């Protein structure tokens, strides 16, 4: 059996890093991402894969299995890089076959026998004991509470069961990012970020729609309040978020504006409310507001300055209370009082092929009044809404990568179990080389994504890692699509049947590259742009 060679892997990673770096400098010197979008997109993904491989080197030094996974992923990364640039070397500013010296490494570690040997080798995670306890706790909850309900909720497009929300609240998951002085469990450092990644993966392994995504929305509002809220707002809202007394949804996207938030049209105008109280009335339509029915409050971005030339500087963030709704639609009205005409809030769920349970809503607000104290940051927060939203972008991207790892892990486990128990042409599916190679590559991609997520979490705990958070989201979410697809393929016709969980995992995996920053926007507007800025620095 081929022995892993980490020194050779490090040399190949350095070679790939040099090739990508040269291409980035070429892109930066020739118009940048806006002029060469295809090149920028490929470079963003290539850079993300190189960084994933680089982050695995420490992991590879912890044992033979870890070293095999590192070598296998490095070879996979270089193969993908060669595929991206072949025939486009001039566009990349490179000579033909710039990675030819890596071919002996690829021949060794892309050998089917080597990859097949990893088919049933998940690899240790190397978590500290406290995080192993987090993993065990949330895995148990996912197995006992989430998994038994996941298929029913998905197939019948139902709501997240209240007992799951209550169970997670009791475990403290909604308080992971709430500072301890406000009733949460965050004391900063690695614990906050690694704990979030581990918990999110395990819950997503149970279900993306009714498990792993539940903690994202309150966390976005939590971080906005921690970074920009007044002390009164922190005292009022953070303890309630930590205990799930208040569940939140995020209302930013509009029918005509997604990632391009500078053009948002929903307005907030000063108005007197019940009893003569100062406040704002909100008008307009938000869309893709996940969990917007069940949520108690919306974290809503609105235009408070009618001068549209100010773009994002005219946008502010509000906490918008609302009654809880159930099912696929709701309509609420506010009582008229004094000089205030009662407002109306209507929502309808957008039917989706997967990611069911939380439901994403289109929400129309007609003179919906909110008190002045619900403007995040108070008057000092006017025009800072995008800034408050950005406070959690990197964290949400890391969290989404963890969700992707959880979905991949579930798909891999389902495929491995099916392969071990299904017989075709007189042999178990697991005995076929092609099945083993598919499973081996799955195991490698999953562990690579997991370890890169841990590495990014440690960076973010130090106030760094913004670029890496975008990279891990871009890479791991694309990898999840391949893993889920091949897991379905291993099931054959049964993979297309709703009675097997792998069909749900497949459609759930597809959303990962779309939400929390569409892959193309993330690569062109964030990763490639920052890479070019760094090249020009």
Protein backbone atom coordinates (compact mmCIF):
# COMPACT_ATOMS: atom_id res chain seq x y z
CA UNK A 1 0.00 0.00 0.00
CA UNK A 2 1.26 3.47 -0.92
CA UNK A 3 2.70 5.40 2.03
CA UNK A 4 1.74 9.06 2.40
CA UNK A 5 4.45 11.66 1.78
CA UNK A 6 3.62 14.96 3.48
CA UNK A 7 6.82 16.63 2.32
CA UNK A 8 5.84 15.94 -1.28
CA UNK A 9 2.33 17.19 -0.55
CA UNK A 10 3.72 20.42 0.88
CA UNK A 11 5.87 20.93 -2.22
CA UNK A 12 2.89 20.37 -4.52
CA UNK A 13 0.74 22.78 -2.52
CA UNK A 14 3.49 25.40 -2.74
CA UNK A 15 3.67 24.86 -6.50
CA UNK A 16 -0.11 25.23 -6.86
CA UNK A 17 -0.07 28.29 -4.65
CA UNK A 18 2.56 29.86 -6.88
CA UNK A 19 0.56 29.14 -10.03
CA UNK A 20 -2.61 30.62 -8.56
CA UNK A 21 -0.71 33.61 -7.20
CA UNK A 22 0.78 34.38 -10.60
CA UNK A 23 -2.64 34.17 -12.23
CA UNK A 24 -4.12 36.48 -9.60
CA UNK A 25 -1.45 39.08 -10.26
CA UNK A 26 -2.14 38.74 -13.99
CA UNK A 27 -5.88 39.26 -13.37
CA UNK A 28 -5.24 42.27 -11.14
CA UNK A 29 -3.02 43.88 -13.77
CA UNK A 30 -5.50 43.32 -16.60
CA UNK A 31 -8.81 44.75 -15.50
CA UNK A 32 -9.68 42.62 -12.48
CA UNK A 33 -12.76 40.45 -11.78
CA UNK A 34 -15.30 42.68 -13.50
CA UNK A 35 -13.50 42.43 -16.83
CA UNK A 36 -12.59 38.72 -16.68
CA UNK A 37 -15.40 37.07 -14.76
CA UNK A 38 -14.77 33.48 -15.82
CA UNK A 39 -11.11 33.72 -14.88
CA UNK A 40 -11.97 35.42 -11.59
CA UNK A 41 -14.54 32.75 -10.73
CA UNK A 42 -12.15 29.89 -11.47
CA UNK A 43 -9.35 31.57 -9.55
CA UNK A 44 -11.56 32.13 -6.51
CA UNK A 45 -12.40 28.44 -6.35
CA UNK A 46 -8.84 27.40 -7.11
CA UNK A 47 -7.50 29.64 -4.34
CA UNK A 48 -10.08 28.20 -1.94
CA UNK A 49 -9.00 24.64 -2.73
CA UNK A 50 -5.32 25.50 -2.35
CA UNK A 51 -6.03 27.09 1.02
CA UNK A 52 -8.02 24.02 2.07
CA UNK A 53 -5.07 21.79 1.18
CA UNK A 54 -2.64 24.06 3.00
CA UNK A 55 -4.81 23.95 6.13
CA UNK A 56 -4.67 20.13 6.04
CA UNK A 57 -0.89 19.90 6.42
CA UNK A 58 -1.03 20.17 10.21
CA UNK A 59 -3.82 17.60 10.30
CA UNK A 60 -1.77 15.28 8.09
CA UNK A 61 1.05 15.28 10.60
CA UNK A 62 -1.10 13.66 13.32
CA UNK A 63 -1.17 10.11 11.99
CA UNK A 64 -1.00 7.85 8.96
CA UNK A 65 -4.69 8.02 8.10
CA UNK A 66 -4.60 11.80 8.42
CA UNK A 67 -1.55 11.93 6.13
CA UNK A 68 -3.31 9.74 3.53
CA UNK A 69 -6.32 12.04 3.54
CA UNK A 70 -4.05 15.07 3.15
CA UNK A 71 -2.18 13.55 0.20
CA UNK A 72 -5.39 12.40 -1.46
CA UNK A 73 -6.98 15.83 -1.13
CA UNK A 74 -3.84 17.59 -2.38
CA UNK A 75 -3.83 15.42 -5.50
CA UNK A 76 -7.55 16.07 -5.98
CA UNK A 77 -6.98 19.82 -5.64
CA UNK A 78 -4.18 19.85 -8.23
CA UNK A 79 -6.24 17.75 -10.64
CA UNK A 80 -9.08 20.28 -10.39
CA UNK A 81 -6.64 23.15 -10.88
CA UNK A 82 -5.19 21.55 -14.02
CA UNK A 83 -8.71 21.02 -15.36
CA UNK A 84 -9.58 24.68 -14.79
CA UNK A 85 -6.56 26.14 -16.56
CA UNK A 86 -6.01 23.60 -19.37
CA UNK A 87 -6.47 25.44 -22.67
CA UNK A 88 -6.75 28.79 -20.89
CA UNK A 89 -3.13 29.23 -19.90
CA UNK A 90 -2.82 32.52 -21.83
CA UNK A 91 -5.91 33.88 -20.08
CA UNK A 92 -4.33 32.95 -16.76
CA UNK A 93 -1.00 34.53 -17.77
CA UNK A 94 0.77 31.17 -17.53
CA UNK A 95 2.90 28.90 -19.66
CA UNK A 96 1.45 25.62 -20.90
CA UNK A 97 1.36 22.83 -18.29
CA UNK A 98 2.71 24.84 -15.33
CA UNK A 99 1.95 21.95 -12.97
CA UNK A 100 3.63 19.16 -14.93
CA UNK A 101 6.19 18.58 -12.16
CA UNK A 102 3.30 17.54 -9.90
CA UNK A 103 2.27 14.66 -12.18
CA UNK A 104 4.25 11.96 -10.30
CA UNK A 105 2.47 13.00 -7.09
CA UNK A 106 -0.89 12.82 -8.87
CA UNK A 107 -0.08 9.42 -10.34
CA UNK A 108 0.56 8.11 -6.84
CA UNK A 109 -2.26 9.70 -4.89
CA UNK A 110 -4.97 9.66 -7.54
CA UNK A 111 -4.41 5.97 -8.08
CA UNK A 112 -7.81 4.28 -7.71
CA UNK A 113 -6.41 1.70 -5.31
CA UNK A 114 -5.12 4.44 -3.00
CA UNK A 115 -8.43 6.36 -2.98
CA UNK A 116 -10.43 3.14 -2.60
CA UNK A 117 -8.44 2.31 0.53
CA UNK A 118 -10.07 5.35 2.20
CA UNK A 119 -13.65 4.28 1.46
CA UNK A 120 -14.40 3.33 5.06
CA UNK A 121 -11.95 5.70 6.70
CA UNK A 122 -13.62 8.82 8.05
CA UNK A 123 -10.48 9.92 9.89
CA UNK A 124 -10.32 11.31 13.42
CA UNK A 125 -11.39 14.91 13.97
CA UNK A 126 -8.83 15.74 16.67
CA UNK A 127 -11.16 17.87 18.74
CA UNK A 128 -10.35 18.86 22.30
CA UNK A 129 -12.32 16.96 24.92
CA UNK A 130 -14.75 19.82 25.52
CA UNK A 131 -15.66 19.93 21.84
CA UNK A 132 -15.94 16.15 21.67
CA UNK A 133 -18.58 16.55 24.36
CA UNK A 134 -20.32 19.19 22.22
CA UNK A 135 -20.18 16.80 19.26
CA UNK A 136 -21.59 13.89 21.24
CA UNK A 137 -24.36 15.98 22.76
CA UNK A 138 -25.63 17.45 19.51
CA UNK A 139 -25.17 14.21 17.57
CA UNK A 140 -27.34 12.45 20.12
CA UNK A 141 -30.03 15.13 19.83
CA UNK A 142 -29.87 14.95 16.03
CA UNK A 143 -30.18 11.16 16.05
CA UNK A 144 -32.97 10.98 18.63
CA UNK A 145 -35.03 14.11 17.94
CA UNK A 146 -34.25 15.54 14.50
CA UNK A 147 -33.72 12.54 12.24
CA UNK A 148 -36.99 10.79 13.18
CA UNK A 149 -38.93 13.92 12.13
CA UNK A 150 -36.83 15.09 9.18
CA UNK A 151 -38.40 12.95 6.44
CA UNK A 152 -41.97 13.71 7.47
CA UNK A 153 -41.37 17.48 7.59
CA UNK A 154 -39.60 17.38 4.22
CA UNK A 155 -42.16 15.22 2.42
CA UNK A 156 -45.21 17.11 3.71
CA UNK A 157 -43.54 20.56 3.75
CA UNK A 158 -44.47 21.11 7.38
CA UNK A 159 -43.15 23.52 10.01
CA UNK A 160 -40.20 22.91 12.29
CA UNK A 161 -41.62 20.97 15.25
CA UNK A 162 -41.84 23.12 18.35
CA UNK A 163 -40.29 20.35 20.45
CA UNK A 164 -37.09 20.65 18.43
CA UNK A 165 -36.92 24.39 19.07
CA UNK A 166 -37.60 23.82 22.76
CA UNK A 167 -35.02 21.04 22.97
CA UNK A 168 -32.31 23.13 21.34
CA UNK A 169 -33.18 26.08 23.57
CA UNK A 170 -32.79 23.87 26.63
CA UNK A 171 -29.36 22.79 25.36
CA UNK A 172 -28.34 26.45 25.06
CA UNK A 173 -27.63 26.42 21.35
CA UNK A 174 -29.26 29.80 20.74
CA UNK A 175 -26.98 31.39 23.31
CA UNK A 176 -23.66 30.21 21.85
CA UNK A 177 -22.84 33.70 20.55
CA UNK A 178 -24.65 35.69 23.25
CA UNK A 179 -22.13 37.10 25.77
CA UNK A 180 -22.34 35.51 29.20
CA UNK A 181 -23.28 38.83 30.84
CA UNK A 182 -26.50 38.80 28.78
CA UNK A 183 -27.50 35.25 29.63
CA UNK A 184 -25.59 33.40 26.92
CA UNK A 185 -22.56 31.15 26.81
CA UNK A 186 -20.06 33.16 24.77
CA UNK A 187 -16.83 34.13 26.45
CA UNK A 188 -14.96 34.72 23.19
CA UNK A 189 -11.97 32.79 21.90
CA UNK A 190 -11.86 29.45 20.10
CA UNK A 191 -14.67 28.02 22.20
CA UNK A 192 -17.34 30.22 20.67
CA UNK A 193 -16.44 29.55 17.04
CA UNK A 194 -15.34 25.91 17.21
CA UNK A 195 -18.38 25.08 19.34
CA UNK A 196 -20.67 26.71 16.78
CA UNK A 197 -19.05 24.81 13.90
CA UNK A 198 -19.26 21.45 15.69
CA UNK A 199 -22.87 21.95 16.81
CA UNK A 200 -23.96 23.17 13.37
CA UNK A 201 -22.41 20.18 11.61
CA UNK A 202 -24.07 17.65 13.89
CA UNK A 203 -27.49 19.31 13.67
CA UNK A 204 -27.20 19.54 9.87
CA UNK A 205 -26.27 15.88 9.74
CA UNK A 206 -29.73 15.29 11.21
CA UNK A 207 -31.44 17.77 8.89
CA UNK A 208 -30.48 21.01 7.19
CA UNK A 209 -34.03 22.37 7.25
CA UNK A 210 -35.12 21.60 10.82
CA UNK A 211 -31.73 21.30 12.50
CA UNK A 212 -28.57 23.00 11.31
CA UNK A 213 -30.15 26.21 10.06
CA UNK A 214 -32.20 26.99 13.15
CA UNK A 215 -29.35 28.71 14.96
CA UNK A 216 -28.30 30.92 12.05
CA UNK A 217 -31.07 33.54 12.14
CA UNK A 218 -30.93 34.41 15.85
CA UNK A 219 -27.15 34.45 15.61
CA UNK A 220 -27.24 37.10 12.86
CA UNK A 221 -29.38 39.37 15.03
CA UNK A 222 -27.27 38.56 18.09
CA UNK A 223 -24.07 39.71 16.43
CA UNK A 224 -25.69 42.85 15.05
CA UNK A 225 -26.78 43.76 18.57
CA UNK A 226 -23.43 42.88 20.14
CA UNK A 227 -21.57 45.08 17.65
CA UNK A 228 -24.04 47.92 17.18
CA UNK A 229 -26.91 47.77 19.66
CA UNK A 230 -27.40 50.21 22.49
CA UNK A 231 -26.98 48.88 26.01
CA UNK A 232 -30.75 49.02 26.47
CA UNK A 233 -31.25 46.96 23.31
CA UNK A 234 -28.72 44.38 24.43
CA UNK A 235 -30.39 44.09 27.82
CA UNK A 236 -33.82 43.74 26.25
CA UNK A 237 -33.16 41.35 23.37
CA UNK A 238 -30.05 39.24 23.96
CA UNK A 239 -31.38 37.25 26.97
CA UNK A 240 -34.56 36.49 25.02
CA UNK A 241 -32.59 35.36 21.97
CA UNK A 242 -30.40 33.13 24.13
CA UNK A 243 -33.39 31.24 25.52
CA UNK A 244 -35.49 31.24 22.29
CA UNK A 245 -38.17 33.30 24.04
CA UNK A 246 -37.68 35.35 20.88
CA UNK A 247 -36.90 33.66 17.57
CA UNK A 248 -35.65 35.82 14.74
CA UNK A 249 -35.75 35.90 10.94
CA UNK A 250 -33.73 38.10 8.60
CA UNK A 251 -35.51 40.36 6.11
CA UNK A 252 -32.90 41.88 3.80
CA UNK A 253 -33.42 40.53 0.27
CA UNK A 254 -36.06 42.13 -1.95
CA UNK A 255 -37.65 40.90 -5.20
CA UNK A 256 -35.31 43.07 -7.29
CA UNK A 257 -32.29 43.13 -5.00
CA UNK A 258 -30.36 40.22 -3.49
CA UNK A 259 -26.65 40.60 -2.80
CA UNK A 260 -26.80 44.14 -4.23
CA UNK A 261 -28.27 45.63 -1.06
CA UNK A 262 -27.37 49.21 -2.02
CA UNK A 263 -30.48 49.40 -4.21
CA UNK A 264 -33.02 48.26 -1.61
CA UNK A 265 -36.42 49.96 -1.85
CA UNK A 266 -38.23 49.11 1.41
CA UNK A 267 -38.59 52.35 3.36
CA UNK A 268 -38.80 53.31 7.00
CA UNK A 269 -40.29 56.74 7.74
CA UNK A 270 -40.59 58.46 11.09
CA UNK A 271 -44.15 58.34 12.43
CA UNK A 272 -46.08 58.73 15.67
CA UNK A 273 -47.49 55.48 16.96
CA UNK A 274 -49.90 54.30 19.68
CA UNK A 275 -50.14 56.71 22.60
CA UNK A 276 -48.07 59.28 20.73
CA UNK A 277 -44.91 57.17 20.86
CA UNK A 278 -42.06 57.95 18.50
CA UNK A 279 -41.38 55.33 15.88
CA UNK A 280 -41.14 54.35 12.24
CA UNK A 281 -43.54 52.96 9.67
CA UNK A 282 -42.14 50.43 7.23
CA UNK A 283 -43.41 49.94 3.68
CA UNK A 284 -42.37 47.55 0.96
CA UNK A 285 -41.75 43.90 0.15
CA UNK A 286 -39.05 41.54 1.38
CA UNK A 287 -38.44 38.08 -0.03
CA UNK A 288 -36.54 34.89 0.85
CA UNK A 289 -37.17 35.65 4.51
CA UNK A 290 -36.41 32.23 5.98
CA UNK A 291 -38.39 31.37 9.12
CA UNK A 292 -40.37 34.58 8.63
CA UNK A 293 -43.66 32.98 9.63
CA UNK A 294 -42.73 31.39 12.95
CA UNK A 295 -40.31 34.15 13.97
CA UNK A 296 -41.22 36.63 16.69
CA UNK A 297 -39.12 39.43 15.19
CA UNK A 298 -37.67 40.34 11.83
CA UNK A 299 -34.20 41.82 11.56
CA UNK A 300 -35.11 44.17 8.72
CA UNK A 301 -32.94 46.42 6.57
CA UNK A 302 -34.78 49.51 5.31
CA UNK A 303 -34.05 52.82 3.60
CA UNK A 304 -34.29 55.63 6.14
CA UNK A 305 -32.83 58.32 3.90
CA UNK A 306 -34.91 59.03 0.75
CA UNK A 307 -31.78 60.26 -1.04
CA UNK A 308 -31.01 57.13 -3.07
CA UNK A 309 -27.64 58.53 -4.13
CA UNK A 310 -26.41 57.61 -0.65
CA UNK A 311 -26.92 53.93 -1.55
CA UNK A 312 -25.92 51.74 1.43
CA UNK A 313 -25.31 54.79 3.64
CA UNK A 314 -29.04 55.49 3.64
CA UNK A 315 -29.96 52.06 5.04
CA UNK A 316 -30.70 51.26 8.68
CA UNK A 317 -31.47 48.07 10.59
CA UNK A 318 -34.62 47.50 12.64
CA UNK A 319 -35.95 44.88 15.03
CA UNK A 320 -39.53 44.41 13.84
CA UNK A 321 -41.81 42.50 16.24
CA UNK A 322 -44.61 40.40 14.76
CA UNK A 323 -47.02 37.68 15.91
CA UNK A 324 -46.03 34.08 15.33
CA UNK A 325 -47.48 32.47 12.24
CA UNK A 326 -47.85 28.85 11.22
CA UNK A 327 -48.22 27.10 7.90
CA UNK A 328 -47.63 28.66 4.52
CA UNK A 329 -49.20 32.08 4.92
CA UNK A 330 -50.20 34.74 7.40
CA UNK A 331 -51.80 38.15 7.64
CA UNK A 332 -51.56 40.41 10.70
CA UNK A 333 -52.87 43.90 11.37
CA UNK A 334 -52.03 46.51 13.98
CA UNK A 335 -54.69 48.47 15.85
CA UNK A 336 -55.09 52.10 14.81
CA UNK A 337 -54.46 54.55 17.63
CA UNK A 338 -54.36 58.33 17.66
CA UNK A 339 -52.73 59.69 14.52
CA UNK A 340 -51.41 56.27 13.49
CA UNK A 341 -53.19 54.29 10.79
CA UNK A 342 -53.01 50.58 11.61
CA UNK A 343 -50.40 48.65 9.67
CA UNK A 344 -50.60 45.31 7.90
CA UNK A 345 -48.08 42.50 7.51
CA UNK A 346 -48.72 39.72 4.99
CA UNK A 347 -46.55 36.74 4.16
CA UNK A 348 -46.66 33.76 1.85
CA UNK A 349 -44.25 30.85 1.83
CA UNK A 350 -42.20 30.27 -1.32
CA UNK A 351 -42.41 26.60 -2.29
CA UNK A 352 -38.95 25.06 -2.67
CA UNK A 353 -37.66 21.66 -3.77
CA UNK A 354 -35.73 21.18 -0.54
CA UNK A 355 -34.60 22.93 2.64
CA UNK A 356 -38.10 22.55 4.04
CA UNK A 357 -39.40 23.17 7.53
CA UNK A 358 -38.31 26.73 8.17
CA UNK A 359 -40.01 28.01 4.99
CA UNK A 360 -38.84 31.10 3.14
CA UNK A 361 -41.42 33.86 2.84
CA UNK A 362 -42.21 36.86 0.73
CA UNK A 363 -43.40 39.48 3.21
CA UNK A 364 -45.29 42.68 2.39
CA UNK A 365 -45.30 45.48 4.96
CA UNK A 366 -47.93 48.22 4.72
CA UNK A 367 -47.45 51.02 7.26
CA UNK A 368 -46.14 48.50 9.80
CA UNK A 369 -45.14 50.56 12.83
CA UNK A 370 -42.14 49.86 15.07
CA UNK A 371 -41.08 51.90 18.11
CA UNK A 372 -38.08 54.21 17.82
CA UNK A 373 -36.07 52.13 20.30
CA UNK A 374 -36.09 49.25 17.79
CA UNK A 375 -33.73 51.04 15.43
CA UNK A 376 -30.50 49.10 16.09
CA UNK A 377 -27.97 51.52 17.52
CA UNK A 378 -30.63 54.17 18.13
CA UNK A 379 -30.20 57.44 16.27
CA UNK A 380 -26.47 56.70 16.14
CA UNK A 381 -27.35 53.64 14.04
CA UNK A 382 -28.97 55.63 11.25
CA UNK A 383 -27.30 54.73 7.96
CA UNK A 384 -25.30 51.90 9.52
CA UNK A 385 -27.62 49.02 8.68
CA UNK A 386 -25.33 47.45 6.10
CA UNK A 387 -22.42 47.70 8.52
CA UNK A 388 -24.39 45.84 11.19
CA UNK A 389 -25.40 43.22 8.66
CA UNK A 390 -21.79 42.75 7.58
CA UNK A 391 -20.77 42.03 11.16
CA UNK A 392 -22.06 38.51 10.77
CA UNK A 393 -21.43 37.78 7.09
CA UNK A 394 -18.15 35.99 7.67
CA UNK A 395 -19.57 34.01 10.57
CA UNK A 396 -22.65 32.98 8.56
CA UNK A 397 -20.41 31.82 5.73
CA UNK A 398 -18.38 29.69 8.12
CA UNK A 399 -21.59 28.37 9.64
CA UNK A 400 -22.89 27.51 6.16
CA UNK A 401 -19.72 25.55 5.47
CA UNK A 402 -20.36 23.60 8.68
CA UNK A 403 -23.91 22.94 7.51
CA UNK A 404 -22.51 21.63 4.22
CA UNK A 405 -20.14 19.29 6.06
CA UNK A 406 -23.06 17.94 8.07
CA UNK A 407 -25.10 17.25 4.92
CA UNK A 408 -22.09 15.59 3.31
CA UNK A 409 -21.48 13.41 6.35
CA UNK A 410 -25.09 12.25 6.37
CA UNK A 411 -24.97 11.48 2.62
CA UNK A 412 -21.70 9.56 2.99
CA UNK A 413 -23.03 7.50 5.90
CA UNK A 414 -26.19 6.66 3.97
CA UNK A 415 -24.19 5.65 0.88
CA UNK A 416 -21.73 3.55 2.88
CA UNK A 417 -24.52 1.73 4.70
CA UNK A 418 -26.41 1.05 1.49
CA UNK A 419 -23.27 -0.14 -0.32
CA UNK A 420 -22.47 -2.57 2.49
CA UNK A 421 -25.96 -4.08 2.47
CA UNK A 422 -26.97 -4.07 -1.20
CA UNK A 423 -26.02 -6.94 -3.51
CA UNK A 424 -25.76 -6.49 -7.30
CA UNK A 425 -24.61 -9.15 -9.79
CA UNK A 426 -23.84 -11.51 -6.94
CA UNK A 427 -21.58 -9.12 -5.01
CA UNK A 428 -22.05 -6.44 -2.39
CA UNK A 429 -21.87 -2.96 -3.93
CA UNK A 430 -19.05 -2.09 -1.54
CA UNK A 431 -16.87 -4.77 -3.17
CA UNK A 432 -16.73 -2.89 -6.48
CA UNK A 433 -13.73 -0.64 -7.04
CA UNK A 434 -15.77 2.20 -8.50
CA UNK A 435 -17.99 2.31 -5.40
CA UNK A 436 -14.93 2.31 -3.15
CA UNK A 437 -13.31 5.14 -5.11
CA UNK A 438 -16.47 7.24 -4.85
CA UNK A 439 -16.73 6.61 -1.11
CA UNK A 440 -13.02 7.27 -0.64
CA UNK A 441 -13.23 10.64 -2.36
CA UNK A 442 -16.31 11.49 -0.28
CA UNK A 443 -14.43 10.74 2.94
CA UNK A 444 -11.50 12.88 1.81
CA UNK A 445 -13.62 15.89 0.79
CA UNK A 446 -15.62 15.76 4.01
CA UNK A 447 -12.60 15.69 6.28
CA UNK A 448 -10.87 18.42 4.24
CA UNK A 449 -13.92 20.68 4.54
CA UNK A 450 -14.26 19.91 8.23
CA UNK A 451 -10.62 20.65 9.06
CA UNK A 452 -10.62 23.84 6.99
CA UNK A 453 -13.73 24.94 8.89
CA UNK A 454 -11.92 24.37 12.19
CA UNK A 455 -8.93 26.37 10.91
CA UNK A 456 -11.15 29.28 9.85
CA UNK A 457 -12.95 29.19 13.21
CA UNK A 458 -9.61 29.60 15.00
CA UNK A 459 -8.73 32.53 12.76
CA UNK A 460 -12.06 34.23 13.40
CA UNK A 461 -11.60 33.81 17.13
CA UNK A 462 -8.54 36.05 16.73
CA UNK A 463 -10.44 38.64 14.68
CA UNK A 464 -9.02 37.36 11.39
CA UNK A 465 -10.18 34.99 8.65
CA UNK A 466 -12.66 37.10 6.68
CA UNK A 467 -11.21 35.94 3.36
CA UNK A 468 -10.90 32.33 4.51
CA UNK A 469 -14.55 32.31 5.69
CA UNK A 470 -15.65 33.18 2.17
CA UNK A 471 -13.30 30.56 0.73
CA UNK A 472 -14.51 27.73 2.94
CA UNK A 473 -18.13 28.54 2.12
CA UNK A 474 -17.44 28.63 -1.63
CA UNK A 475 -15.48 25.39 -1.72
CA UNK A 476 -17.31 23.18 0.75
CA UNK A 477 -20.78 24.00 -0.55
CA UNK A 478 -19.81 22.98 -4.09
CA UNK A 479 -18.20 19.80 -2.75
CA UNK A 480 -21.42 18.96 -0.90
CA UNK A 481 -23.32 18.87 -4.19
CA UNK A 482 -20.94 16.24 -5.59
CA UNK A 483 -20.99 14.14 -2.43
CA UNK A 484 -24.79 14.16 -2.20
CA UNK A 485 -25.15 13.37 -5.90
CA UNK A 486 -22.80 10.40 -5.77
CA UNK A 487 -24.43 9.15 -2.58
CA UNK A 488 -27.73 9.17 -4.44
CA UNK A 489 -26.11 7.43 -7.42
CA UNK A 490 -24.77 4.63 -5.23
CA UNK A 491 -28.36 3.99 -4.15
CA UNK A 492 -29.38 3.49 -7.77
CA UNK A 493 -33.13 3.72 -8.36
CA UNK A 494 -33.80 3.78 -4.62
CA UNK A 495 -31.84 7.02 -4.40
CA UNK A 496 -34.59 8.67 -6.41
CA UNK A 497 -37.27 7.43 -4.03
CA UNK A 498 -38.49 9.74 -1.29
CA UNK A 499 -38.46 6.92 1.24
CA UNK A 500 -34.65 7.07 1.28
CA UNK A 501 -33.13 10.06 3.07
CA UNK A 502 -30.46 10.52 0.40
CA UNK A 503 -33.03 12.08 -1.94
CA UNK A 504 -33.70 14.78 0.67
CA UNK A 505 -29.99 15.29 1.25
CA UNK A 506 -29.46 15.78 -2.48
CA UNK A 507 -32.02 18.59 -2.87
CA UNK A 508 -30.90 20.14 0.42
CA UNK A 509 -27.28 20.20 -0.74
CA UNK A 510 -28.27 22.14 -3.84
CA UNK A 511 -29.29 25.22 -1.86
CA UNK A 512 -25.92 25.59 -0.13
CA UNK A 513 -24.24 27.37 -3.04
CA UNK A 514 -27.22 29.68 -3.44
CA UNK A 515 -28.09 31.06 -0.02
CA UNK A 516 -25.98 33.16 2.36
CA UNK A 517 -24.23 34.66 -0.68
CA UNK A 518 -24.68 33.08 -4.11
CA UNK A 519 -21.54 31.30 -5.25
CA UNK A 520 -20.94 33.58 -8.24
CA UNK A 521 -21.36 36.77 -6.22
CA UNK A 522 -19.17 35.43 -3.42
CA UNK A 523 -16.40 34.45 -5.83
CA UNK A 524 -16.46 37.58 -8.01
CA UNK A 525 -17.36 40.33 -5.56
CA UNK A 526 -15.63 39.06 -2.44
CA UNK A 527 -12.92 36.44 -2.96
CA UNK A 528 -11.50 37.46 -6.35
CA UNK A 529 -11.73 41.15 -5.53
CA UNK A 530 -9.88 40.72 -2.24
CA UNK A 531 -7.26 38.52 -3.90
CA UNK A 532 -6.64 41.24 -6.49
CA UNK A 533 -6.55 43.95 -3.82
CA UNK A 534 -3.94 41.94 -1.91
CA UNK A 535 -1.94 41.45 -5.11
CA UNK A 536 -1.91 45.21 -5.70
CA UNK A 537 -1.01 46.06 -2.10
